[in-house]
Structures are given as C-alpha cells and as structure tokens.
C-alpha cells in the first residue's frame, strides 16, 4: 500500500483550498 500517493493528493487539495 502506497500512502505517498494519498498524501500527495491530500496535500494538493489542501494547497488548492489554501491558495484560494
């Protein structure tokens, strides 16, 4: 199980919400 992918996706979503 690669949690890195999940973390990257979560980080991207968080960055987008914060970059709003």
C-alpha atoms as a PDB file:
ATOM      1  CA  UNK A   1       0.000   0.000   0.000  1.00  0.00           C
ATOM      2  CA  UNK A   2       1.452   3.309  -1.068  1.00  0.00           C
ATOM      3  CA  UNK A   3       0.301   6.071   1.249  1.00  0.00           C
ATOM      4  CA  UNK A   4       2.538   8.534  -0.587  1.00  0.00           C
ATOM      5  CA  UNK A   5       0.003   8.888  -3.388  1.00  0.00           C
ATOM      6  CA  UNK A   6      -2.817   9.534  -0.922  1.00  0.00           C
ATOM      7  CA  UNK A   7      -0.707  12.075   0.927  1.00  0.00           C
ATOM      8  CA  UNK A   8       0.243  13.849  -2.311  1.00  0.00           C
ATOM      9  CA  UNK A   9      -3.407  14.051  -3.370  1.00  0.00           C
ATOM     10  CA  UNK A  10      -4.464  15.332   0.051  1.00  0.00           C
ATOM     11  CA  UNK A  11      -1.646  17.884   0.065  1.00  0.00           C
ATOM     12  CA  UNK A  12      -2.629  19.102  -3.410  1.00  0.00           C
ATOM     13  CA  UNK A  13      -6.251  19.548  -2.354  1.00  0.00           C
ATOM     14  CA  UNK A  14      -5.222  21.396   0.815  1.00  0.00           C
ATOM     15  CA  UNK A  15      -2.858  23.647  -1.141  1.00  0.00           C
ATOM     16  CA  UNK A  16      -5.611  24.484  -3.643  1.00  0.00           C
ATOM     17  CA  UNK A  17      -8.060  25.352  -0.843  1.00  0.00           C
ATOM     18  CA  UNK A  18      -5.419  27.488   0.898  1.00  0.00           C
ATOM     19  CA  UNK A  19      -4.285  29.096  -2.378  1.00  0.00           C
ATOM     20  CA  UNK A  20      -7.854  30.255  -2.960  1.00  0.00           C
END
